[in-house]
Amino acid sequence: MGKQQKHSVSMEEISISQFKATCLAILARVKRTNKPILVLRKGEPIAQVLPPPPPIKQQPWLGSLAGTGEIIGDILDPVSPSEEWDVFRA
C-alpha cells in the first residue's frame, strides 16, 4: 500500500487519493492492527490516522466501597442505653 516512511519510526504511508478511495477499509485496518498510517499529498504528510484509545472500563457500583469502612466499636451493642428508649417507658 505504501512505502516505509522516513519521517518517523516505520509508519505506513498512503497517498491522499488512495486514502480517499479506501477510507473505510483503512480505518478498519488501523483499528484492527493498532498501527497508525500517515496520509501524504504530493509526498508531504498532511494527516495521521491513529488507532482509538482503549475503552475505559466502568467499575460496577455494587461493592465499590468494599474495604473502605472501619469498625471502631462493638457493632452488636445498641447505640444508646435501653433506659433512653421510648418503647420501655410505657
C-alpha atoms as a PDB file:
ATOM      1  CA  MET A   1       0.000   0.000   0.000  1.00  0.00           C
ATOM      2  CA  GLY A   2       2.710   2.461   0.777  1.00  0.00           C
ATOM      3  CA  LYS A   3       6.397   2.804   1.233  1.00  0.00           C
ATOM      4  CA  GLN A   4       8.077   2.939   4.604  1.00  0.00           C
ATOM      5  CA  GLN A   5       8.268   6.458   5.945  1.00  0.00           C
ATOM      6  CA  LYS A   6      11.500   8.194   6.737  1.00  0.00           C
ATOM      7  CA  HIS A   7       9.873  10.956   8.857  1.00  0.00           C
ATOM      8  CA  SER A   8       9.238   8.812  11.947  1.00  0.00           C
ATOM      9  CA  VAL A   9       9.522   5.264  13.208  1.00  0.00           C
ATOM     10  CA  SER A  10       8.354   2.857  10.423  1.00  0.00           C
ATOM     11  CA  MET A  11       4.843   4.149   9.890  1.00  0.00           C
ATOM     12  CA  GLU A  12       2.944   3.111   6.805  1.00  0.00           C
ATOM     13  CA  GLU A  13       2.351   5.879   4.294  1.00  0.00           C
ATOM     14  CA  ILE A  14      -0.540   6.233   1.864  1.00  0.00           C
ATOM     15  CA  SER A  15      -1.406   8.835  -0.759  1.00  0.00           C
ATOM     16  CA  ILE A  16      -4.434  11.035  -0.245  1.00  0.00           C
ATOM     17  CA  SER A  17      -6.114   9.647  -3.368  1.00  0.00           C
ATOM     18  CA  GLN A  18      -5.652   6.056  -2.189  1.00  0.00           C
ATOM     19  CA  PHE A  19      -6.909   7.027   1.279  1.00  0.00           C
ATOM     20  CA  LYS A  20      -9.983   8.662  -0.226  1.00  0.00           C
ATOM     21  CA  ALA A  21     -10.763   5.599  -2.345  1.00  0.00           C
ATOM     22  CA  THR A  22     -10.398   3.100   0.523  1.00  0.00           C
ATOM     23  CA  CYS A  23     -11.061   5.234   3.608  1.00  0.00           C
ATOM     24  CA  LEU A  24     -13.379   2.846   5.484  1.00  0.00           C
ATOM     25  CA  ALA A  25     -11.119  -0.151   4.901  1.00  0.00           C
ATOM     26  CA  ILE A  26      -8.071   1.806   6.060  1.00  0.00           C
ATOM     27  CA  LEU A  27      -9.826   2.996   9.215  1.00  0.00           C
ATOM     28  CA  ALA A  28     -10.881  -0.573   9.990  1.00  0.00           C
ATOM     29  CA  ARG A  29      -7.314  -1.801   9.453  1.00  0.00           C
ATOM     30  CA  VAL A  30      -5.858   0.867  11.758  1.00  0.00           C
ATOM     31  CA  LYS A  31      -8.286  -0.171  14.480  1.00  0.00           C
ATOM     32  CA  ARG A  32      -7.628  -3.899  13.934  1.00  0.00           C
ATOM     33  CA  THR A  33      -3.813  -3.713  13.745  1.00  0.00           C
ATOM     34  CA  ASN A  34      -3.407  -0.816  16.191  1.00  0.00           C
ATOM     35  CA  LYS A  35      -0.810   0.757  13.837  1.00  0.00           C
ATOM     36  CA  PRO A  36      -1.027   4.376  12.614  1.00  0.00           C
ATOM     37  CA  ILE A  37      -0.947   5.415   8.954  1.00  0.00           C
ATOM     38  CA  LEU A  38       0.456   8.663   7.541  1.00  0.00           C
ATOM     39  CA  VAL A  39      -1.540  10.281   4.715  1.00  0.00           C
ATOM     40  CA  LEU A  40       0.540  12.123   2.105  1.00  0.00           C
ATOM     41  CA  ARG A  41      -0.262  14.730  -0.534  1.00  0.00           C
ATOM     42  CA  LYS A  42       2.459  15.055  -3.167  1.00  0.00           C
ATOM     43  CA  GLY A  43       4.884  13.342  -0.784  1.00  0.00           C
ATOM     44  CA  GLU A  44       4.174  15.728   2.108  1.00  0.00           C
ATOM     45  CA  PRO A  45       2.427  14.488   5.262  1.00  0.00           C
ATOM     46  CA  ILE A  46      -0.999  16.064   5.765  1.00  0.00           C
ATOM     47  CA  ALA A  47      -2.670  13.744   8.272  1.00  0.00           C
ATOM     48  CA  GLN A  48      -2.010  10.849  10.576  1.00  0.00           C
ATOM     49  CA  VAL A  49      -4.638   8.189  11.255  1.00  0.00           C
ATOM     50  CA  LEU A  50      -4.215   6.841  14.786  1.00  0.00           C
ATOM     51  CA  PRO A  51      -5.907   3.878  16.455  1.00  0.00           C
ATOM     52  CA  PRO A  52      -8.525   4.730  19.075  1.00  0.00           C
ATOM     53  CA  PRO A  53      -7.543   4.694  22.753  1.00  0.00           C
ATOM     54  CA  PRO A  54      -8.525   1.599  24.724  1.00  0.00           C
ATOM     55  CA  PRO A  55     -12.019   1.773  26.199  1.00  0.00           C
ATOM     56  CA  ILE A  56     -12.317   2.838  29.819  1.00  0.00           C
ATOM     57  CA  LYS A  57     -13.828   0.048  31.867  1.00  0.00           C
ATOM     58  CA  GLN A  58     -16.576   1.252  34.154  1.00  0.00           C
ATOM     59  CA  GLN A  59     -16.354  -0.112  37.669  1.00  0.00           C
ATOM     60  CA  PRO A  60     -19.614  -1.598  38.898  1.00  0.00           C
ATOM     61  CA  TRP A  61     -21.195   0.485  41.662  1.00  0.00           C
ATOM     62  CA  LEU A  62     -22.223  -2.572  43.662  1.00  0.00           C
ATOM     63  CA  GLY A  63     -19.375  -3.329  46.028  1.00  0.00           C
ATOM     64  CA  SER A  64     -17.388  -0.256  45.000  1.00  0.00           C
ATOM     65  CA  LEU A  65     -16.905   0.808  48.640  1.00  0.00           C
ATOM     66  CA  ALA A  66     -15.828  -2.643  49.851  1.00  0.00           C
ATOM     67  CA  GLY A  67     -12.855  -2.407  52.185  1.00  0.00           C
ATOM     68  CA  THR A  68     -13.171   1.326  52.758  1.00  0.00           C
ATOM     69  CA  GLY A  69     -15.055   1.258  56.086  1.00  0.00           C
ATOM     70  CA  GLU A  70     -13.625   0.863  59.569  1.00  0.00           C
ATOM     71  CA  ILE A  71     -15.308  -0.691  62.607  1.00  0.00           C
ATOM     72  CA  ILE A  72     -14.386   1.314  65.701  1.00  0.00           C
ATOM     73  CA  GLY A  73     -16.638  -0.221  68.353  1.00  0.00           C
ATOM     74  CA  ASP A  74     -18.914  -3.110  69.228  1.00  0.00           C
ATOM     75  CA  ILE A  75     -21.371  -3.492  66.362  1.00  0.00           C
ATOM     76  CA  LEU A  76     -23.769  -5.665  68.419  1.00  0.00           C
ATOM     77  CA  ASP A  77     -24.400  -3.261  71.322  1.00  0.00           C
ATOM     78  CA  PRO A  78     -27.106  -0.584  70.896  1.00  0.00           C
ATOM     79  CA  VAL A  79     -26.007   2.960  70.260  1.00  0.00           C
ATOM     80  CA  SER A  80     -27.789   4.315  73.340  1.00  0.00           C
ATOM     81  CA  PRO A  81     -28.641   2.645  76.674  1.00  0.00           C
ATOM     82  CA  SER A  82     -32.037   0.853  76.867  1.00  0.00           C
ATOM     83  CA  GLU A  83     -33.271   3.352  79.512  1.00  0.00           C
ATOM     84  CA  GLU A  84     -33.444   6.042  76.826  1.00  0.00           C
ATOM     85  CA  TRP A  85     -35.726   4.019  74.530  1.00  0.00           C
ATOM     86  CA  ASP A  86     -39.346   5.174  74.331  1.00  0.00           C
ATOM     87  CA  VAL A  87     -40.665   1.634  73.999  1.00  0.00           C
ATOM     88  CA  PHE A  88     -39.583   0.792  77.570  1.00  0.00           C
ATOM     89  CA  ARG A  89     -41.201   3.911  79.106  1.00  0.00           C
ATOM     90  CA  ALA A  90     -44.825   2.897  78.619  1.00  0.00           C
END
